[in-house]
Amino acid sequence: EYMGDNNKQTNKIQKNTKKQKMDFKGQQLAERLYQIIQVLFLIGGICYGFYEKKLYLAVYAVGLGFLITALISIPDWPFYNRNPVHWYTPPAQKKEEKTS
């Protein structure tokens, strides 16, 4: 009876994970894009703010970079699922008869 409950939980986990589309390589790509975009906007914003001698322009540039990064990294875009995870499906368990 315990094994039956365990199989039900395993099936629920597998069904829930199939709904998620971003795979592990997609997560790595999202993180890398996040880092690159944030650093580029930070450097660009600091340089532009220093050139114009206005700190608020640097803050706006970093904020804009954050918004663009959020739009690219947070949603589950299809290009984040190029390497889907194939979950192991256990073979059918044989019912063992108790020998007395």
C-alpha atoms as a PDB file:
ATOM      1  CA  GLU A   1       0.000   0.000   0.000  1.00  0.00           C
ATOM      2  CA  TYR A   2       2.887   2.351   0.737  1.00  0.00           C
ATOM      3  CA  MET A   3       4.363   1.788  -2.736  1.00  0.00           C
ATOM      4  CA  GLY A   4       1.034   2.720  -4.320  1.00  0.00           C
ATOM      5  CA  ASP A   5       1.042   6.067  -2.535  1.00  0.00           C
ATOM      6  CA  ASN A   6       4.634   6.641  -3.603  1.00  0.00           C
ATOM      7  CA  ASN A   7       3.768   5.948  -7.251  1.00  0.00           C
ATOM      8  CA  LYS A   8       0.895   8.432  -7.079  1.00  0.00           C
ATOM      9  CA  GLN A   9       3.235  11.101  -5.732  1.00  0.00           C
ATOM     10  CA  THR A  10       5.803  10.319  -8.434  1.00  0.00           C
ATOM     11  CA  ASN A  11       3.146  10.633 -11.132  1.00  0.00           C
ATOM     12  CA  LYS A  12       2.005  13.989  -9.729  1.00  0.00           C
ATOM     13  CA  ILE A  13       5.596  15.265  -9.709  1.00  0.00           C
ATOM     14  CA  GLN A  14       6.149  14.122 -13.290  1.00  0.00           C
ATOM     15  CA  LYS A  15       2.921  15.782 -14.468  1.00  0.00           C
ATOM     16  CA  ASN A  16       3.842  19.042 -12.722  1.00  0.00           C
ATOM     17  CA  THR A  17       7.352  19.089 -14.147  1.00  0.00           C
ATOM     18  CA  LYS A  18       6.053  18.512 -17.675  1.00  0.00           C
ATOM     19  CA  LYS A  19       4.141  21.796 -17.368  1.00  0.00           C
ATOM     20  CA  GLN A  20       7.367  23.670 -16.748  1.00  0.00           C
ATOM     21  CA  LYS A  21       9.060  24.493 -19.992  1.00  0.00           C
ATOM     22  CA  MET A  22      12.392  26.052 -19.074  1.00  0.00           C
ATOM     23  CA  ASP A  23      15.101  23.412 -18.934  1.00  0.00           C
ATOM     24  CA  PHE A  24      18.414  23.543 -17.091  1.00  0.00           C
ATOM     25  CA  LYS A  25      20.355  24.915 -20.068  1.00  0.00           C
ATOM     26  CA  GLY A  26      17.615  27.517 -20.510  1.00  0.00           C
ATOM     27  CA  GLN A  27      18.028  28.567 -16.890  1.00  0.00           C
ATOM     28  CA  GLN A  28      21.751  28.917 -17.450  1.00  0.00           C
ATOM     29  CA  LEU A  29      21.143  31.002 -20.585  1.00  0.00           C
ATOM     30  CA  ALA A  30      18.640  33.240 -18.768  1.00  0.00           C
ATOM     31  CA  GLU A  31      21.144  33.817 -15.962  1.00  0.00           C
ATOM     32  CA  ARG A  32      23.954  34.606 -18.431  1.00  0.00           C
ATOM     33  CA  LEU A  33      21.759  37.065 -20.378  1.00  0.00           C
ATOM     34  CA  TYR A  34      20.757  38.694 -17.099  1.00  0.00           C
ATOM     35  CA  GLN A  35      24.377  39.205 -16.103  1.00  0.00           C
ATOM     36  CA  ILE A  36      25.525  40.525 -19.487  1.00  0.00           C
ATOM     37  CA  ILE A  37      22.648  42.967 -19.980  1.00  0.00           C
ATOM     38  CA  GLN A  38      22.881  44.315 -16.431  1.00  0.00           C
ATOM     39  CA  VAL A  39      26.635  44.915 -16.699  1.00  0.00           C
ATOM     40  CA  LEU A  40      26.319  46.595 -20.117  1.00  0.00           C
ATOM     41  CA  PHE A  41      23.601  48.963 -18.922  1.00  0.00           C
ATOM     42  CA  LEU A  42      25.518  49.653 -15.715  1.00  0.00           C
ATOM     43  CA  ILE A  43      28.713  50.573 -17.563  1.00  0.00           C
ATOM     44  CA  GLY A  44      26.837  52.520 -20.229  1.00  0.00           C
ATOM     45  CA  GLY A  45      24.739  54.348 -17.638  1.00  0.00           C
ATOM     46  CA  ILE A  46      27.742  55.316 -15.522  1.00  0.00           C
ATOM     47  CA  CYS A  47      29.659  56.554 -18.569  1.00  0.00           C
ATOM     48  CA  TYR A  48      26.686  58.537 -19.878  1.00  0.00           C
ATOM     49  CA  GLY A  49      25.876  59.977 -16.446  1.00  0.00           C
ATOM     50  CA  PHE A  50      29.513  60.957 -15.934  1.00  0.00           C
ATOM     51  CA  TYR A  51      29.661  62.563 -19.406  1.00  0.00           C
ATOM     52  CA  GLU A  52      26.484  64.576 -18.806  1.00  0.00           C
ATOM     53  CA  LYS A  53      27.410  65.143 -15.133  1.00  0.00           C
ATOM     54  CA  LYS A  54      23.955  64.003 -14.032  1.00  0.00           C
ATOM     55  CA  LEU A  55      23.687  61.050 -11.678  1.00  0.00           C
ATOM     56  CA  TYR A  56      19.984  60.490 -12.309  1.00  0.00           C
ATOM     57  CA  LEU A  57      20.739  59.531 -15.931  1.00  0.00           C
ATOM     58  CA  ALA A  58      22.944  56.695 -14.687  1.00  0.00           C
ATOM     59  CA  VAL A  59      20.190  55.537 -12.327  1.00  0.00           C
ATOM     60  CA  TYR A  60      17.618  55.646 -15.152  1.00  0.00           C
ATOM     61  CA  ALA A  61      19.935  53.635 -17.409  1.00  0.00           C
ATOM     62  CA  VAL A  62      20.385  50.953 -14.755  1.00  0.00           C
ATOM     63  CA  GLY A  63      16.611  50.891 -14.169  1.00  0.00           C
ATOM     64  CA  LEU A  64      15.975  50.543 -17.896  1.00  0.00           C
ATOM     65  CA  GLY A  65      18.502  47.727 -18.023  1.00  0.00           C
ATOM     66  CA  PHE A  66      16.679  46.006 -15.178  1.00  0.00           C
ATOM     67  CA  LEU A  67      13.321  46.265 -16.986  1.00  0.00           C
ATOM     68  CA  ILE A  68      14.759  44.922 -20.234  1.00  0.00           C
ATOM     69  CA  THR A  69      16.496  42.127 -18.350  1.00  0.00           C
ATOM     70  CA  ALA A  70      13.268  41.233 -16.565  1.00  0.00           C
ATOM     71  CA  LEU A  71      11.375  41.078 -19.872  1.00  0.00           C
ATOM     72  CA  ILE A  72      14.006  38.773 -21.341  1.00  0.00           C
ATOM     73  CA  SER A  73      14.814  36.571 -18.347  1.00  0.00           C
ATOM     74  CA  ILE A  74      11.608  36.081 -16.372  1.00  0.00           C
ATOM     75  CA  PRO A  75       9.031  34.891 -18.958  1.00  0.00           C
ATOM     76  CA  ASP A  76       9.280  31.336 -20.161  1.00  0.00           C
ATOM     77  CA  TRP A  77      10.281  32.033 -23.774  1.00  0.00           C
ATOM     78  CA  PRO A  78      10.447  29.052 -26.169  1.00  0.00           C
ATOM     79  CA  PHE A  79      14.188  29.444 -26.793  1.00  0.00           C
ATOM     80  CA  TYR A  80      14.767  28.516 -23.152  1.00  0.00           C
ATOM     81  CA  ASN A  81      13.460  24.990 -23.855  1.00  0.00           C
ATOM     82  CA  ARG A  82      15.819  23.716 -26.525  1.00  0.00           C
ATOM     83  CA  ASN A  83      17.081  20.865 -24.311  1.00  0.00           C
ATOM     84  CA  PRO A  84      14.034  19.417 -22.537  1.00  0.00           C
ATOM     85  CA  VAL A  85      14.548  17.133 -19.587  1.00  0.00           C
ATOM     86  CA  HIS A  86      13.531  13.535 -20.214  1.00  0.00           C
ATOM     87  CA  TRP A  87      12.365  12.069 -16.938  1.00  0.00           C
ATOM     88  CA  TYR A  88      12.984   8.460 -16.072  1.00  0.00           C
ATOM     89  CA  THR A  89       9.839   6.385 -16.109  1.00  0.00           C
ATOM     90  CA  PRO A  90      10.167   3.365 -13.853  1.00  0.00           C
ATOM     91  CA  PRO A  91       9.262  -0.010 -15.332  1.00  0.00           C
ATOM     92  CA  ALA A  92       6.011  -1.564 -14.235  1.00  0.00           C
ATOM     93  CA  GLN A  93       6.453  -3.090 -10.851  1.00  0.00           C
ATOM     94  CA  LYS A  94       5.666  -6.755 -10.575  1.00  0.00           C
ATOM     95  CA  LYS A  95       3.369  -7.740  -7.798  1.00  0.00           C
ATOM     96  CA  GLU A  96       5.165 -10.152  -5.589  1.00  0.00           C
ATOM     97  CA  GLU A  97       3.100 -12.828  -4.036  1.00  0.00           C
ATOM     98  CA  LYS A  98       3.786 -13.527  -0.449  1.00  0.00           C
ATOM     99  CA  THR A  99       4.940 -17.018   0.206  1.00  0.00           C
ATOM    100  CA  SER A 100       3.862 -18.496   3.477  1.00  0.00           C
END
